[in-house]
Structures are given as C-alpha cells and as structure tokens.
Protein backbone atom coordinates (compact mmCIF):
# COMPACT_ATOMS: atom_id res chain seq x y z
CA UNK A 1 73.76 76.88 168.14
CA UNK A 2 74.73 79.24 171.37
CA UNK A 3 72.98 77.32 174.80
CA UNK A 4 73.59 73.75 172.84
CA UNK A 5 75.38 71.59 175.15
CA UNK A 6 75.52 68.28 172.09
CA UNK A 7 74.98 65.62 174.45
CA UNK A 8 71.69 63.85 174.34
CA UNK A 9 69.48 62.97 176.75
CA UNK A 10 67.20 60.61 174.87
CA UNK A 11 68.21 58.03 175.89
CA UNK A 12 68.70 58.01 179.74
CA UNK A 13 64.79 59.72 179.02
CA UNK A 14 63.90 56.68 178.02
CA UNK A 15 65.14 54.18 180.08
CA UNK A 16 64.51 56.55 182.92
CA UNK A 17 60.16 56.29 181.06
CA UNK A 18 60.85 52.05 181.56
CA UNK A 19 61.59 52.08 185.01
CA UNK A 20 59.09 54.20 186.13
CA UNK A 21 56.26 52.29 184.52
CA UNK A 22 58.83 48.68 186.18
CA UNK A 23 58.24 50.40 189.18
CA UNK A 24 54.54 51.33 189.22
CA UNK A 25 54.43 47.29 187.87
CA UNK A 26 56.02 46.39 190.14
CA UNK A 27 54.24 48.30 193.26
CA UNK A 28 50.05 47.94 192.41
CA UNK A 29 50.60 43.61 190.22
CA UNK A 30 54.02 42.10 190.00
CA UNK A 31 54.85 42.03 192.83
CA UNK A 32 56.74 39.12 192.12
CA UNK A 33 59.37 41.67 190.64
CA UNK A 34 62.39 42.85 192.40
CA UNK A 35 64.19 46.23 192.32
CA UNK A 36 66.69 44.46 190.61
CA UNK A 37 64.54 44.25 187.90
CA UNK A 38 62.81 47.57 188.59
CA UNK A 39 65.72 49.29 188.11
CA UNK A 40 67.72 46.86 184.88
CA UNK A 41 67.21 49.97 182.57
CA UNK A 42 68.51 53.04 184.44
CA UNK A 43 71.57 49.96 184.57
CA UNK A 44 71.60 49.32 181.66
CA UNK A 45 72.18 53.21 180.28
CA UNK A 46 74.86 53.00 182.54
CA UNK A 47 76.35 50.66 181.79
CA UNK A 48 76.54 50.43 178.27
CA UNK A 49 77.54 53.94 178.63
CA UNK A 50 80.83 52.86 180.52
CA UNK A 51 81.71 49.98 179.08
CA UNK A 52 80.86 52.68 175.56
CA UNK A 53 83.52 54.29 177.00
CA UNK A 54 86.08 51.57 178.33
CA UNK A 55 85.78 50.39 174.65
CA UNK A 56 87.05 54.11 173.08
CA UNK A 57 89.58 54.02 174.86
CA UNK A 58 91.18 51.24 174.33
CA UNK A 59 90.60 50.88 170.97
CA UNK A 60 92.29 54.77 170.70
CA UNK A 61 94.61 54.11 172.18
CA UNK A 62 96.33 51.27 170.67
CA UNK A 63 94.33 52.57 167.44
CA UNK A 64 97.32 54.42 165.34
CA UNK A 65 95.17 57.94 164.23
CA UNK A 66 97.80 59.70 162.91
CA UNK A 67 96.79 63.34 163.47
CA UNK A 68 93.29 64.62 164.08
CA UNK A 69 91.63 64.54 160.63
CA UNK A 70 91.20 68.66 159.23
CA UNK A 71 87.67 69.97 159.67
CA UNK A 72 84.58 68.36 162.24
CA UNK A 73 84.46 64.66 162.55
CA UNK A 74 80.93 64.92 163.08
CA UNK A 75 80.32 65.75 158.87
CA UNK A 76 83.31 63.31 157.78
CA UNK A 77 81.97 60.15 160.12
CA UNK A 78 78.32 61.64 159.59
CA UNK A 79 77.47 58.47 156.50
CA UNK A 80 78.60 55.81 158.93
CA UNK A 81 76.41 57.37 162.29
CA UNK A 82 73.99 53.86 161.52
CA UNK A 83 75.12 51.78 162.37
CA UNK A 84 74.71 47.56 162.80
CA UNK A 85 77.83 46.79 165.28
CA UNK A 86 76.79 49.86 167.84
CA UNK A 87 72.61 48.03 167.92
CA UNK A 88 74.37 44.56 168.38
CA UNK A 89 76.73 46.03 171.28
CA UNK A 90 73.50 47.41 172.54
CA UNK A 91 71.07 44.35 172.42
CA UNK A 92 73.28 42.12 173.63
CA UNK A 93 74.54 44.05 176.61
CA UNK A 94 70.42 44.74 177.25
CA UNK A 95 70.51 40.40 176.90
CA UNK A 96 73.82 40.55 179.09
CA UNK A 97 71.89 42.90 181.93
CA UNK A 98 68.86 40.25 182.11
CA UNK A 99 71.08 37.64 182.14
CA UNK A 100 73.22 39.10 185.38
CA UNK A 101 69.50 40.07 187.27
CA UNK A 102 68.06 36.78 187.03
CA UNK A 103 72.19 35.16 188.02
CA UNK A 104 71.66 38.20 191.48
CA UNK A 105 68.54 36.69 191.29
CA UNK A 106 69.13 33.30 191.10
CA UNK A 107 65.79 32.69 189.66
CA UNK A 108 65.57 28.97 187.99
CA UNK A 109 63.04 29.77 185.84
CA UNK A 110 63.38 30.77 182.09
CA UNK A 111 60.06 33.35 181.01
CA UNK A 112 61.82 33.14 177.56
CA UNK A 113 64.57 30.95 176.03
CA UNK A 114 67.98 29.04 177.10
CA UNK A 115 69.46 32.70 176.03
CA UNK A 116 67.62 33.95 179.17
CA UNK A 117 69.11 31.97 181.83
CA UNK A 118 70.57 33.32 183.77
CA UNK A 119 73.34 30.99 183.80
CA UNK A 120 77.40 31.88 183.80
CA UNK A 121 77.87 31.14 180.48
CA UNK A 122 75.40 33.72 179.27
CA UNK A 123 76.38 35.69 180.74
CA UNK A 124 80.28 35.59 179.37
CA UNK A 125 78.96 35.33 175.86
CA UNK A 126 76.86 38.01 176.65
CA UNK A 127 78.67 40.19 177.64
CA UNK A 128 81.66 39.24 175.79
CA UNK A 129 79.62 39.94 172.66
CA UNK A 130 79.06 42.76 173.98
CA UNK A 131 81.92 43.99 174.31
CA UNK A 132 83.60 42.25 171.22
CA UNK A 133 80.43 44.33 168.42
CA UNK A 134 81.64 47.83 170.41
CA UNK A 135 85.15 47.03 169.37
CA UNK A 136 84.32 46.75 166.33
CA UNK A 137 82.19 49.62 165.38
CA UNK A 138 85.48 51.83 167.47
CA UNK A 139 87.00 49.89 164.67
CA UNK A 140 84.81 50.84 161.52
CA UNK A 141 85.11 54.86 163.19
CA UNK A 142 88.97 53.75 163.51
CA UNK A 143 89.20 53.25 160.30
CA UNK A 144 86.43 56.27 158.29
CA UNK A 145 89.21 58.52 160.15
CA UNK A 146 92.54 56.86 159.09
CA UNK A 147 90.99 57.30 155.33
CA UNK A 148 90.07 61.17 155.79
CA UNK A 149 93.90 61.62 155.73
C-alpha cells in the first residue's frame, strides 16, 4: 500500500461539484441566490469537519480509554463503520447550515417548512442536535475500543 495517504477526498469533491452547479445556476437562472447559498456546500463540509474534530477531541480527552488496543484500530472498528449517529449528525448539520444562511440573508419566507425558517431557535436546536449526535457517535466508538481490551 505504498503511496496511499489514507485520506479520502470524495466528500470534498462532491461538495465542490454541488457548489459549482449552484454557481452555474446563480449566474444563469437563479440570480436571487446569495453567494452564501452558493458556497454553502463547501462551508458545510469544512464546518462539519471542524465540529467533528472538536467533538472527538473533547470526548477522547474525557473517555478514559486505558491504553491503545492491540492491533489496528481500523480492524477493530470495521464492523461499526456505518453508524446512524454519524449520518444523523451530518443531516442535522446540513439543516443547521441552511438555517444559518437564511438567518444571514434575513429571508422572511421559507420555501420548505418551519424547520428551514432561519430563526435563532432552529439554529440552536439543529446545531445542538448535530453536536449531540457526534457525541453519541464517539461514545459508541469509545465503547468498542474499551471492549477490545
């Protein structure tokens, strides 16, 4: 496996592609979109990554995992790779990001329903739900690492 870095850029490429499609739409058809809306996919990618790293650091600082487990962590965590908590955290963060853009734009109308209203209550609720879901994700990983001893 020489030359492989272990870093997967697929999510970033997808976000850049979506942002490019939104850029083309803004410049050609939907001129009412703000630049915040056009750059939202890239902001969501980096915002979620930073939130994930901060939550992981906080959790692992207090998790009391006795010592590094024998073997490769990837092999221990492989059966637990798909996790509903992680997917839920991403979805909550997407709704948080959309509400944040609506709050910044000051838009009064919601094209979806009240969850996408851009109000401060929705920002707080979905931001908190995203962080809580990430803590649940890391709690599950910590439980697997503690059980591997």
